[in-house]
Amino acid sequence: MRSGLRIVTTGMLCLIFSGGAGLAADDAASRGAGLYGQFCAQCHGADMEGPVNGAFALRKFPHDDAARFTASVTNGKGDTMPPWGGTLAPDEIASIWAYVQTGGS
């Protein structure tokens, strides 16, 4: 099941950033901003600088590591971050990733 989720998520990221089918990157980032505010900002900070409750400063997240971001959001990070895979759909996680890549601008 997890490998299937990875394939779907990777496919969604390809669609979003290809400029072809799916959401345009700007639309994805705009949607991601709202989702970030709802699900992420309380721990990672409204400006992505963290550390609120010791959360990672997302502005420092490597921009070339969508797979790691997706896995962290989907599966959580031990005791420090809950898994969001049961709450957020793969396309929503991809939109949050698009927003994180903007650095909040």
PDB file of N, CA and C in Angstrom:
ATOM      1  N   MET A   1       0.817  -1.194   0.000  1.00  0.00           N
ATOM      2  CA  MET A   1       0.000   0.000   0.000  1.00  0.00           C
ATOM      3  C   MET A   1       0.860   1.257   0.000  1.00  0.00           C
ATOM      4  N   ARG A   2       1.935   1.260   0.800  1.00  0.00           N
ATOM      5  CA  ARG A   2       2.789   2.442   0.849  1.00  0.00           C
ATOM      6  C   ARG A   2       3.478   2.690  -0.475  1.00  0.00           C
ATOM      7  N   SER A   3       3.928   1.625  -1.160  1.00  0.00           N
ATOM      8  CA  SER A   3       4.576   1.832  -2.454  1.00  0.00           C
ATOM      9  C   SER A   3       3.574   2.364  -3.465  1.00  0.00           C
ATOM     10  N   GLY A   4       2.327   1.938  -3.370  1.00  0.00           N
ATOM     11  CA  GLY A   4       1.280   2.469  -4.246  1.00  0.00           C
ATOM     12  C   GLY A   4       1.044   3.943  -3.982  1.00  0.00           C
ATOM     13  N   LEU A   5       1.072   4.335  -2.712  1.00  0.00           N
ATOM     14  CA  LEU A   5       0.902   5.735  -2.347  1.00  0.00           C
ATOM     15  C   LEU A   5       2.062   6.559  -2.885  1.00  0.00           C
ATOM     16  N   ARG A   6       3.277   6.010  -2.803  1.00  0.00           N
ATOM     17  CA  ARG A   6       4.448   6.720  -3.325  1.00  0.00           C
ATOM     18  C   ARG A   6       4.319   6.940  -4.823  1.00  0.00           C
ATOM     19  N   ILE A   7       3.849   5.945  -5.531  1.00  0.00           N
ATOM     20  CA  ILE A   7       3.694   6.054  -6.982  1.00  0.00           C
ATOM     21  C   ILE A   7       2.657   7.114  -7.321  1.00  0.00           C
ATOM     22  N   VAL A   8       1.523   7.084  -6.620  1.00  0.00           N
ATOM     23  CA  VAL A   8       0.472   8.072  -6.862  1.00  0.00           C
ATOM     24  C   VAL A   8       0.980   9.467  -6.532  1.00  0.00           C
ATOM     25  N   THR A   9       1.655   9.615  -5.397  1.00  0.00           N
ATOM     26  CA  THR A   9       2.162  10.917  -4.982  1.00  0.00           C
ATOM     27  C   THR A   9       3.206  11.426  -5.960  1.00  0.00           C
ATOM     28  N   THR A  10       4.119  10.572  -6.376  1.00  0.00           N
ATOM     29  CA  THR A  10       5.132  10.969  -7.349  1.00  0.00           C
ATOM     30  C   THR A  10       4.465  11.384  -8.649  1.00  0.00           C
ATOM     31  N   GLY A  11       3.469  10.648  -9.066  1.00  0.00           N
ATOM     32  CA  GLY A  11       2.726  10.998 -10.277  1.00  0.00           C
ATOM     33  C   GLY A  11       2.052  12.348 -10.161  1.00  0.00           C
ATOM     34  N   MET A  12       1.472  12.623  -8.992  1.00  0.00           N
ATOM     35  CA  MET A  12       0.818  13.909  -8.771  1.00  0.00           C
ATOM     36  C   MET A  12       1.845  15.043  -8.828  1.00  0.00           C
ATOM     37  N   LEU A  13       3.007  14.841  -8.208  1.00  0.00           N
ATOM     38  CA  LEU A  13       4.043  15.873  -8.250  1.00  0.00           C
ATOM     39  C   LEU A  13       4.493  16.130  -9.680  1.00  0.00           C
ATOM     40  N   CYS A  14       4.629  15.076 -10.469  1.00  0.00           N
ATOM     41  CA  CYS A  14       5.028  15.243 -11.868  1.00  0.00           C
ATOM     42  C   CYS A  14       3.987  16.048 -12.629  1.00  0.00           C
ATOM     43  N   LEU A  15       2.722  15.757 -12.398  1.00  0.00           N
ATOM     44  CA  LEU A  15       1.660  16.498 -13.074  1.00  0.00           C
ATOM     45  C   LEU A  15       1.659  17.961 -12.670  1.00  0.00           C
ATOM     46  N   ILE A  16       1.837  18.212 -11.393  1.00  0.00           N
ATOM     47  CA  ILE A  16       1.782  19.587 -10.907  1.00  0.00           C
ATOM     48  C   ILE A  16       2.921  20.416 -11.470  1.00  0.00           C
ATOM     49  N   PHE A  17       4.131  19.852 -11.495  1.00  0.00           N
ATOM     50  CA  PHE A  17       5.281  20.646 -11.881  1.00  0.00           C
ATOM     51  C   PHE A  17       5.647  20.535 -13.355  1.00  0.00           C
ATOM     52  N   SER A  18       4.918  19.733 -14.105  1.00  0.00           N
ATOM     53  CA  SER A  18       5.234  19.582 -15.521  1.00  0.00           C
ATOM     54  C   SER A  18       4.725  20.743 -16.355  1.00  0.00           C
ATOM     55  N   GLY A  19       3.756  21.487 -15.827  1.00  0.00           N
ATOM     56  CA  GLY A  19       3.171  22.563 -16.606  1.00  0.00           C
ATOM     57  C   GLY A  19       2.131  22.034 -17.581  1.00  0.00           C
ATOM     58  N   GLY A  20       1.938  20.725 -17.617  1.00  0.00           N
ATOM     59  CA  GLY A  20       0.952  20.126 -18.501  1.00  0.00           C
ATOM     60  C   GLY A  20      -0.350  19.915 -17.764  1.00  0.00           C
ATOM     61  N   ALA A  21      -0.792  18.676 -17.728  1.00  0.00           N
ATOM     62  CA  ALA A  21      -2.058  18.353 -17.081  1.00  0.00           C
ATOM     63  C   ALA A  21      -1.954  18.596 -15.582  1.00  0.00           C
ATOM     64  N   GLY A  22      -3.091  18.739 -14.936  1.00  0.00           N
ATOM     65  CA  GLY A  22      -3.115  18.952 -13.491  1.00  0.00           C
ATOM     66  C   GLY A  22      -3.021  20.426 -13.158  1.00  0.00           C
ATOM     67  N   LEU A  23      -2.844  20.694 -11.888  1.00  0.00           N
ATOM     68  CA  LEU A  23      -2.757  22.069 -11.431  1.00  0.00           C
ATOM     69  C   LEU A  23      -1.447  22.700 -11.865  1.00  0.00           C
ATOM     70  N   ALA A  24      -1.491  23.956 -12.234  1.00  0.00           N
ATOM     71  CA  ALA A  24      -0.260  24.696 -12.485  1.00  0.00           C
ATOM     72  C   ALA A  24       0.441  24.899 -11.157  1.00  0.00           C
ATOM     73  N   ALA A  25       1.751  25.089 -11.191  1.00  0.00           N
ATOM     74  CA  ALA A  25       2.526  25.234  -9.959  1.00  0.00           C
ATOM     75  C   ALA A  25       2.005  26.380  -9.100  1.00  0.00           C
ATOM     76  N   ASP A  26       1.639  27.507  -9.717  1.00  0.00           N
ATOM     77  CA  ASP A  26       1.114  28.637  -8.946  1.00  0.00           C
ATOM     78  C   ASP A  26      -0.199  28.291  -8.266  1.00  0.00           C
ATOM     79  N   ASP A  27      -1.071  27.580  -8.966  1.00  0.00           N
ATOM     80  CA  ASP A  27      -2.342  27.164  -8.381  1.00  0.00           C
ATOM     81  C   ASP A  27      -2.116  26.187  -7.238  1.00  0.00           C
ATOM     82  N   ALA A  28      -1.169  25.282  -7.430  1.00  0.00           N
ATOM     83  CA  ALA A  28      -0.861  24.302  -6.394  1.00  0.00           C
ATOM     84  C   ALA A  28      -0.312  25.012  -5.162  1.00  0.00           C
ATOM     85  N   ALA A  29       0.590  25.976  -5.351  1.00  0.00           N
ATOM     86  CA  ALA A  29       1.165  26.708  -4.226  1.00  0.00           C
ATOM     87  C   ALA A  29       0.098  27.526  -3.500  1.00  0.00           C
ATOM     88  N   SER A  30      -0.807  28.110  -4.252  1.00  0.00           N
ATOM     89  CA  SER A  30      -1.891  28.885  -3.645  1.00  0.00           C
ATOM     90  C   SER A  30      -2.790  27.986  -2.800  1.00  0.00           C
ATOM     91  N   ARG A  31      -3.142  26.845  -3.341  1.00  0.00           N
ATOM     92  CA  ARG A  31      -3.945  25.872  -2.583  1.00  0.00           C
ATOM     93  C   ARG A  31      -3.151  25.378  -1.372  1.00  0.00           C
ATOM     94  N   GLY A  32      -1.865  25.135  -1.573  1.00  0.00           N
ATOM     95  CA  GLY A  32      -1.004  24.666  -0.500  1.00  0.00           C
ATOM     96  C   GLY A  32      -0.888  25.662   0.636  1.00  0.00           C
ATOM     97  N   ALA A  33      -0.945  26.958   0.319  1.00  0.00           N
ATOM     98  CA  ALA A  33      -0.864  27.985   1.356  1.00  0.00           C
ATOM     99  C   ALA A  33      -2.011  27.842   2.351  1.00  0.00           C
ATOM    100  N   GLY A  34      -3.200  27.609   1.836  1.00  0.00           N
ATOM    101  CA  GLY A  34      -4.353  27.420   2.717  1.00  0.00           C
ATOM    102  C   GLY A  34      -4.234  26.157   3.548  1.00  0.00           C
ATOM    103  N   LEU A  35      -3.797  25.082   2.917  1.00  0.00           N
ATOM    104  CA  LEU A  35      -3.618  23.820   3.635  1.00  0.00           C
ATOM    105  C   LEU A  35      -2.512  23.931   4.672  1.00  0.00           C
ATOM    106  N   TYR A  36      -1.439  24.618   4.308  1.00  0.00           N
ATOM    107  CA  TYR A  36      -0.336  24.834   5.252  1.00  0.00           C
ATOM    108  C   TYR A  36      -0.851  25.579   6.484  1.00  0.00           C
ATOM    109  N   GLY A  37      -1.600  26.635   6.264  1.00  0.00           N
ATOM    110  CA  GLY A  37      -2.155  27.400   7.382  1.00  0.00           C
ATOM    111  C   GLY A  37      -3.043  26.558   8.276  1.00  0.00           C
ATOM    112  N   GLN A  38      -3.779  25.644   7.678  1.00  0.00           N
ATOM    113  CA  GLN A  38      -4.713  24.807   8.431  1.00  0.00           C
ATOM    114  C   GLN A  38      -4.018  23.661   9.166  1.00  0.00           C
ATOM    115  N   PHE A  39      -3.026  23.033   8.544  1.00  0.00           N
ATOM    116  CA  PHE A  39      -2.461  21.808   9.104  1.00  0.00           C
ATOM    117  C   PHE A  39      -1.010  21.921   9.594  1.00  0.00           C
ATOM    118  N   CYS A  40      -0.257  22.891   9.130  1.00  0.00           N
ATOM    119  CA  CYS A  40       1.188  22.907   9.383  1.00  0.00           C
ATOM    120  C   CYS A  40       1.679  24.081  10.227  1.00  0.00           C
ATOM    121  N   ALA A  41       1.061  25.244  10.039  1.00  0.00           N
ATOM    122  CA  ALA A  41       1.575  26.473  10.643  1.00  0.00           C
ATOM    123  C   ALA A  41       1.622  26.420  12.165  1.00  0.00           C
ATOM    124  N   GLN A  42       0.707  25.705  12.785  1.00  0.00           N
ATOM    125  CA  GLN A  42       0.693  25.674  14.245  1.00  0.00           C
ATOM    126  C   GLN A  42       1.978  25.077  14.816  1.00  0.00           C
ATOM    127  N   CYS A  43       2.655  24.235  14.075  1.00  0.00           N
ATOM    128  CA  CYS A  43       3.918  23.668  14.545  1.00  0.00           C
ATOM    129  C   CYS A  43       5.135  24.264  13.829  1.00  0.00           C
ATOM    130  N   HIS A  44       5.031  24.471  12.525  1.00  0.00           N
ATOM    131  CA  HIS A  44       6.170  24.932  11.735  1.00  0.00           C
ATOM    132  C   HIS A  44       6.241  26.448  11.631  1.00  0.00           C
ATOM    133  N   GLY A  45       5.237  27.136  12.140  1.00  0.00           N
ATOM    134  CA  GLY A  45       5.207  28.594  12.109  1.00  0.00           C
ATOM    135  C   GLY A  45       4.598  29.127  10.835  1.00  0.00           C
ATOM    136  N   ALA A  46       3.917  30.254  10.960  1.00  0.00           N
ATOM    137  CA  ALA A  46       3.270  30.864   9.797  1.00  0.00           C
ATOM    138  C   ALA A  46       4.284  31.243   8.731  1.00  0.00           C
ATOM    139  N   ASP A  47       5.520  31.549   9.151  1.00  0.00           N
ATOM    140  CA  ASP A  47       6.558  31.952   8.210  1.00  0.00           C
ATOM    141  C   ASP A  47       7.505  30.810   7.850  1.00  0.00           C
ATOM    142  N   MET A  48       7.179  29.598   8.264  1.00  0.00           N
ATOM    143  CA  MET A  48       7.961  28.382   8.003  1.00  0.00           C
ATOM    144  C   MET A  48       9.325  28.390   8.684  1.00  0.00           C
ATOM    145  N   GLU A  49       9.560  29.318   9.570  1.00  0.00           N
ATOM    146  CA  GLU A  49      10.851  29.421  10.231  1.00  0.00           C
ATOM    147  C   GLU A  49      10.974  28.488  11.423  1.00  0.00           C
ATOM    148  N   GLY A  50       9.807  27.947  11.928  1.00  0.00           N
ATOM    149  CA  GLY A  50       9.903  27.150  13.121  1.00  0.00           C
ATOM    150  C   GLY A  50      10.727  27.925  14.137  1.00  0.00           C
ATOM    151  N   PRO A  51      11.293  27.392  15.141  1.00  0.00           N
ATOM    152  CA  PRO A  51      10.796  26.149  15.693  1.00  0.00           C
ATOM    153  C   PRO A  51       9.685  26.392  16.709  1.00  0.00           C
ATOM    154  N   VAL A  52       8.511  26.071  16.358  1.00  0.00           N
ATOM    155  CA  VAL A  52       7.401  26.038  17.293  1.00  0.00           C
ATOM    156  C   VAL A  52       7.342  24.598  17.772  1.00  0.00           C
ATOM    157  N   ASN A  53       7.404  24.375  19.033  1.00  0.00           N
ATOM    158  CA  ASN A  53       7.418  23.017  19.595  1.00  0.00           C
ATOM    159  C   ASN A  53       8.574  22.177  19.041  1.00  0.00           C
ATOM    160  N   GLY A  54       9.666  22.814  18.645  1.00  0.00           N
ATOM    161  CA  GLY A  54      10.819  22.082  18.128  1.00  0.00           C
ATOM    162  C   GLY A  54      10.665  21.599  16.699  1.00  0.00           C
ATOM    163  N   ALA A  55       9.653  22.072  15.976  1.00  0.00           N
ATOM    164  CA  ALA A  55       9.416  21.628  14.598  1.00  0.00           C
ATOM    165  C   ALA A  55      10.496  22.155  13.664  1.00  0.00           C
ATOM    166  N   PHE A  56      10.727  21.431  12.589  1.00  0.00           N
ATOM    167  CA  PHE A  56      11.731  21.760  11.581  1.00  0.00           C
ATOM    168  C   PHE A  56      11.376  23.074  10.879  1.00  0.00           C
ATOM    169  N   ALA A  57      12.354  23.918  10.615  1.00  0.00           N
ATOM    170  CA  ALA A  57      12.156  25.147   9.842  1.00  0.00           C
ATOM    171  C   ALA A  57      12.061  24.762   8.361  1.00  0.00           C
ATOM    172  N   LEU A  58      10.867  24.794   7.818  1.00  0.00           N
ATOM    173  CA  LEU A  58      10.637  24.287   6.465  1.00  0.00           C
ATOM    174  C   LEU A  58      11.290  25.118   5.365  1.00  0.00           C
ATOM    175  N   ARG A  59      11.655  26.355   5.657  1.00  0.00           N
ATOM    176  CA  ARG A  59      12.370  27.145   4.644  1.00  0.00           C
ATOM    177  C   ARG A  59      13.730  26.533   4.337  1.00  0.00           C
ATOM    178  N   LYS A  60      14.233  25.712   5.251  1.00  0.00           N
ATOM    179  CA  LYS A  60      15.532  25.062   5.066  1.00  0.00           C
ATOM    180  C   LYS A  60      15.406  23.681   4.423  1.00  0.00           C
ATOM    181  N   PHE A  61      14.177  23.236   4.151  1.00  0.00           N
ATOM    182  CA  PHE A  61      13.983  21.904   3.581  1.00  0.00           C
ATOM    183  C   PHE A  61      14.553  21.881   2.164  1.00  0.00           C
ATOM    184  N   PRO A  62      15.323  20.853   1.817  1.00  0.00           N
ATOM    185  CA  PRO A  62      15.909  20.781   0.464  1.00  0.00           C
ATOM    186  C   PRO A  62      14.836  20.801  -0.629  1.00  0.00           C
ATOM    187  N   HIS A  63      14.959  21.728  -1.547  1.00  0.00           N
ATOM    188  CA  HIS A  63      13.948  21.889  -2.601  1.00  0.00           C
ATOM    189  C   HIS A  63      13.954  20.770  -3.630  1.00  0.00           C
ATOM    190  N   ASP A  64      14.957  19.933  -3.584  1.00  0.00           N
ATOM    191  CA  ASP A  64      15.031  18.835  -4.550  1.00  0.00           C
ATOM    192  C   ASP A  64      14.651  17.494  -3.921  1.00  0.00           C
ATOM    193  N   ASP A  65      13.964  17.534  -2.789  1.00  0.00           N
ATOM    194  CA  ASP A  65      13.661  16.281  -2.089  1.00  0.00           C
ATOM    195  C   ASP A  65      12.162  16.127  -1.792  1.00  0.00           C
ATOM    196  N   ALA A  66      11.371  16.177  -2.857  1.00  0.00           N
ATOM    197  CA  ALA A  66       9.924  16.031  -2.719  1.00  0.00           C
ATOM    198  C   ALA A  66       9.553  14.681  -2.111  1.00  0.00           C
ATOM    199  N   ALA A  67      10.291  13.641  -2.444  1.00  0.00           N
ATOM    200  CA  ALA A  67       9.978  12.301  -1.924  1.00  0.00           C
ATOM    201  C   ALA A  67      10.131  12.262  -0.401  1.00  0.00           C
ATOM    202  N   ARG A  68      11.190  12.880   0.108  1.00  0.00           N
ATOM    203  CA  ARG A  68      11.399  12.910   1.565  1.00  0.00           C
ATOM    204  C   ARG A  68      10.305  13.721   2.254  1.00  0.00           C
ATOM    205  N   PHE A  69       9.947  14.860   1.664  1.00  0.00           N
ATOM    206  CA  PHE A  69       8.875  15.693   2.223  1.00  0.00           C
ATOM    207  C   PHE A  69       7.571  14.899   2.268  1.00  0.00           C
ATOM    208  N   THR A  70       7.237  14.283   1.155  1.00  0.00           N
ATOM    209  CA  THR A  70       5.994  13.516   1.055  1.00  0.00           C
ATOM    210  C   THR A  70       5.964  12.376   2.067  1.00  0.00           C
ATOM    211  N   ALA A  71       7.072  11.658   2.200  1.00  0.00           N
ATOM    212  CA  ALA A  71       7.143  10.557   3.161  1.00  0.00           C
ATOM    213  C   ALA A  71       7.003  11.073   4.592  1.00  0.00           C
ATOM    214  N   SER A  72       7.638  12.203   4.903  1.00  0.00           N
ATOM    215  CA  SER A  72       7.559  12.759   6.255  1.00  0.00           C
ATOM    216  C   SER A  72       6.140  13.177   6.600  1.00  0.00           C
ATOM    217  N   VAL A  73       5.480  13.839   5.662  1.00  0.00           N
ATOM    218  CA  VAL A  73       4.106  14.290   5.906  1.00  0.00           C
ATOM    219  C   VAL A  73       3.166  13.091   5.980  1.00  0.00           C
ATOM    220  N   THR A  74       3.329  12.163   5.082  1.00  0.00           N
ATOM    221  CA  THR A  74       2.438  10.999   5.028  1.00  0.00           C
ATOM    222  C   THR A  74       2.595  10.099   6.244  1.00  0.00           C
ATOM    223  N   ASN A  75       3.837   9.803   6.598  1.00  0.00           N
ATOM    224  CA  ASN A  75       4.110   8.807   7.641  1.00  0.00           C
ATOM    225  C   ASN A  75       4.450   9.386   9.002  1.00  0.00           C
ATOM    226  N   GLY A  76       4.686  10.690   9.083  1.00  0.00           N
ATOM    227  CA  GLY A  76       5.091  11.319  10.330  1.00  0.00           C
ATOM    228  C   GLY A  76       6.572  11.130  10.579  1.00  0.00           C
ATOM    229  N   LYS A  77       7.038  11.713  11.679  1.00  0.00           N
ATOM    230  CA  LYS A  77       8.451  11.641  12.052  1.00  0.00           C
ATOM    231  C   LYS A  77       8.534  11.245  13.526  1.00  0.00           C
ATOM    232  N   GLY A  78       8.401   9.977  13.800  1.00  0.00           N
ATOM    233  CA  GLY A  78       8.516   9.480  15.172  1.00  0.00           C
ATOM    234  C   GLY A  78       7.550  10.169  16.112  1.00  0.00           C
ATOM    235  N   ASP A  79       8.084  10.650  17.240  1.00  0.00           N
ATOM    236  CA  ASP A  79       7.246  11.330  18.228  1.00  0.00           C
ATOM    237  C   ASP A  79       7.127  12.825  17.961  1.00  0.00           C
ATOM    238  N   THR A  80       7.862  13.337  16.982  1.00  0.00           N
ATOM    239  CA  THR A  80       7.893  14.781  16.775  1.00  0.00           C
ATOM    240  C   THR A  80       6.852  15.307  15.783  1.00  0.00           C
ATOM    241  N   MET A  81       6.363  14.450  14.903  1.00  0.00           N
ATOM    242  CA  MET A  81       5.379  14.892  13.909  1.00  0.00           C
ATOM    243  C   MET A  81       4.401  13.755  13.637  1.00  0.00           C
ATOM    244  N   PRO A  82       3.112  14.036  13.731  1.00  0.00           N
ATOM    245  CA  PRO A  82       2.133  12.979  13.464  1.00  0.00           C
ATOM    246  C   PRO A  82       2.034  12.676  11.968  1.00  0.00           C
ATOM    247  N   PRO A  83       1.580  11.483  11.625  1.00  0.00           N
ATOM    248  CA  PRO A  83       1.348  11.175  10.210  1.00  0.00           C
ATOM    249  C   PRO A  83       0.079  11.868   9.711  1.00  0.00           C
ATOM    250  N   TRP A  84       0.155  12.463   8.544  1.00  0.00           N
ATOM    251  CA  TRP A  84      -0.995  13.150   7.962  1.00  0.00           C
ATOM    252  C   TRP A  84      -1.582  12.400   6.773  1.00  0.00           C
ATOM    253  N   GLY A  85      -1.012  11.225   6.468  1.00  0.00           N
ATOM    254  CA  GLY A  85      -1.471  10.465   5.309  1.00  0.00           C
ATOM    255  C   GLY A  85      -2.922  10.036   5.382  1.00  0.00           C
ATOM    256  N   GLY A  86      -3.461   9.876   6.581  1.00  0.00           N
ATOM    257  CA  GLY A  86      -4.869   9.511   6.728  1.00  0.00           C
ATOM    258  C   GLY A  86      -5.796  10.709   6.683  1.00  0.00           C
ATOM    259  N   THR A  87      -5.227  11.909   6.729  1.00  0.00           N
ATOM    260  CA  THR A  87      -6.009  13.148   6.741  1.00  0.00           C
ATOM    261  C   THR A  87      -5.914  13.888   5.417  1.00  0.00           C
ATOM    262  N   LEU A  88      -4.700  13.950   4.889  1.00  0.00           N
ATOM    263  CA  LEU A  88      -4.457  14.689   3.647  1.00  0.00           C
ATOM    264  C   LEU A  88      -4.327  13.731   2.465  1.00  0.00           C
ATOM    265  N   ALA A  89      -4.964  14.087   1.373  1.00  0.00           N
ATOM    266  CA  ALA A  89      -4.851  13.307   0.134  1.00  0.00           C
ATOM    267  C   ALA A  89      -3.489  13.593  -0.511  1.00  0.00           C
ATOM    268  N   PRO A  90      -2.993  12.682  -1.349  1.00  0.00           N
ATOM    269  CA  PRO A  90      -1.702  12.907  -2.011  1.00  0.00           C
ATOM    270  C   PRO A  90      -1.622  14.236  -2.765  1.00  0.00           C
ATOM    271  N   ASP A  91      -2.697  14.652  -3.420  1.00  0.00           N
ATOM    272  CA  ASP A  91      -2.651  15.931  -4.139  1.00  0.00           C
ATOM    273  C   ASP A  91      -2.595  17.116  -3.180  1.00  0.00           C
ATOM    274  N   GLU A  92      -3.154  16.977  -1.981  1.00  0.00           N
ATOM    275  CA  GLU A  92      -3.060  18.039  -0.983  1.00  0.00           C
ATOM    276  C   GLU A  92      -1.631  18.152  -0.444  1.00  0.00           C
ATOM    277  N   ILE A  93      -0.999  17.015  -0.212  1.00  0.00           N
ATOM    278  CA  ILE A  93       0.402  17.015   0.232  1.00  0.00           C
ATOM    279  C   ILE A  93       1.282  17.637  -0.856  1.00  0.00           C
ATOM    280  N   ALA A  94       1.016  17.306  -2.106  1.00  0.00           N
ATOM    281  CA  ALA A  94       1.771  17.890  -3.219  1.00  0.00           C
ATOM    282  C   ALA A  94       1.567  19.406  -3.275  1.00  0.00           C
ATOM    283  N   SER A  95       0.380  19.884  -2.976  1.00  0.00           N
ATOM    284  CA  SER A  95       0.121  21.325  -2.957  1.00  0.00           C
ATOM    285  C   SER A  95       0.868  22.005  -1.811  1.00  0.00           C
ATOM    286  N   ILE A  96       0.910  21.351  -0.653  1.00  0.00           N
ATOM    287  CA  ILE A  96       1.679  21.909   0.466  1.00  0.00           C
ATOM    288  C   ILE A  96       3.161  21.970   0.088  1.00  0.00           C
ATOM    289  N   TRP A  97       3.656  20.940  -0.576  1.00  0.00           N
ATOM    290  CA  TRP A  97       5.048  20.929  -1.036  1.00  0.00           C
ATOM    291  C   TRP A  97       5.294  22.101  -1.984  1.00  0.00           C
ATOM    292  N   ALA A  98       4.367  22.344  -2.897  1.00  0.00           N
ATOM    293  CA  ALA A  98       4.512  23.473  -3.829  1.00  0.00           C
ATOM    294  C   ALA A  98       4.599  24.787  -3.058  1.00  0.00           C
ATOM    295  N   TYR A  99       3.793  24.926  -2.027  1.00  0.00           N
ATOM    296  CA  TYR A  99       3.832  26.138  -1.204  1.00  0.00           C
ATOM    297  C   TYR A  99       5.138  26.233  -0.420  1.00  0.00           C
ATOM    298  N   VAL A 100       5.583  25.140   0.179  1.00  0.00           N
ATOM    299  CA  VAL A 100       6.826  25.146   0.947  1.00  0.00           C
ATOM    300  C   VAL A 100       7.993  25.584   0.043  1.00  0.00           C
ATOM    301  N   GLN A 101       7.980  25.173  -1.200  1.00  0.00           N
ATOM    302  CA  GLN A 101       9.042  25.559  -2.119  1.00  0.00           C
ATOM    303  C   GLN A 101       9.073  27.051  -2.400  1.00  0.00           C
ATOM    304  N   THR A 102       7.962  27.750  -2.199  1.00  0.00           N
ATOM    305  CA  THR A 102       7.948  29.211  -2.400  1.00  0.00           C
ATOM    306  C   THR A 102       8.580  29.927  -1.224  1.00  0.00           C
ATOM    307  N   GLY A 103       8.791  29.230  -0.109  1.00  0.00           N
ATOM    308  CA  GLY A 103       9.314  29.879   1.093  1.00  0.00           C
ATOM    309  C   GLY A 103       8.278  30.750   1.771  1.00  0.00           C
ATOM    310  N   GLY A 104       7.034  30.580   1.384  1.00  0.00           N
ATOM    311  CA  GLY A 104       5.953  31.346   1.999  1.00  0.00           C
ATOM    312  C   GLY A 104       5.645  32.649   1.300  1.00  0.00           C
ATOM    313  N   SER A 105       6.247  32.844   0.116  1.00  0.00           N
ATOM    314  CA  SER A 105       5.969  34.094  -0.583  1.00  0.00           C
ATOM    315  C   SER A 105       4.926  33.934  -1.658  1.00  0.00           C
TER     316      SER A 105
END
